[in-house]
Amino acid sequence: MKIGLIFECGPQGADKQVCEYLARKLLPDVELVSKTLDTKPNLLNEAGRVAAGLLADDCDRVLVVWDLRPAWPVKGDKPCRRREREMLHRALGDAGVAVDAAVFFVCIEQELESWLLADERKLSEYLSTPAHGYGVDRVRRPDRQKNPKAAVISHFRTARGQRYDDKVHAVKVIAAGELDWRRLRRSESFARFESKILGRLVDD
């Protein structure tokens, strides 16, 4: 199985690291081909061309992954998942990608840290030390947390007096302890990612 992934982040971006880690846990034999487009405007404009190239490179399917509220938003731009999906569909059409091609969209709501909050035990395990345990309250609907990155930053500051760096820490948090898919599915956007990786290909 060969899956193409398109991200709005840079080559060492947290979204890329975390999604690749989780994809390989879901499908241990998967071959991943990731492309990074640095910013959301680049992704919305260029994902069609990049997806066409990945399909031509024999990817069985392609996932376009982006944050609804990226770390570096465009000034004056109000995030709207429906509008952004429409832009991506147009970009695919402009690139000559067939309507029924296996290209699927995963908009992370609100941002990647929503997934980190979905399993509070992972954050707790990562931030705890043998001498000092650190408890994290459960977040029932992590995709509705208005500023999940700020919440994670606060946990790092409180637990360790440490600055949270998503490019360094996000994948370490996800990799802490055993994966609990049920807890991660508290994030509806993670559940969409999981379904597309596993081939449950009804788009939504």
Foldseek 3Di string as FASTA:
>chain_A
DEEEEEEQADPLFLVVLQLVVVLCVLPVPYHYDYDYQHHLVSCLQCVLQVQVVVVVVVGQAYEYEYAQADPDDDPPDHRDPVVSVVSNVVNNVVNVNDPPGRYAYQYFAHDPLLLLLLDQVLLQQVLADPVGGDGDDHDQQSSPPPDSVVVSQVSCCVRPVDGDDSSPPVNVSCPRDDDDVVSSVSYVSVVVSSCSSVPVRDYD
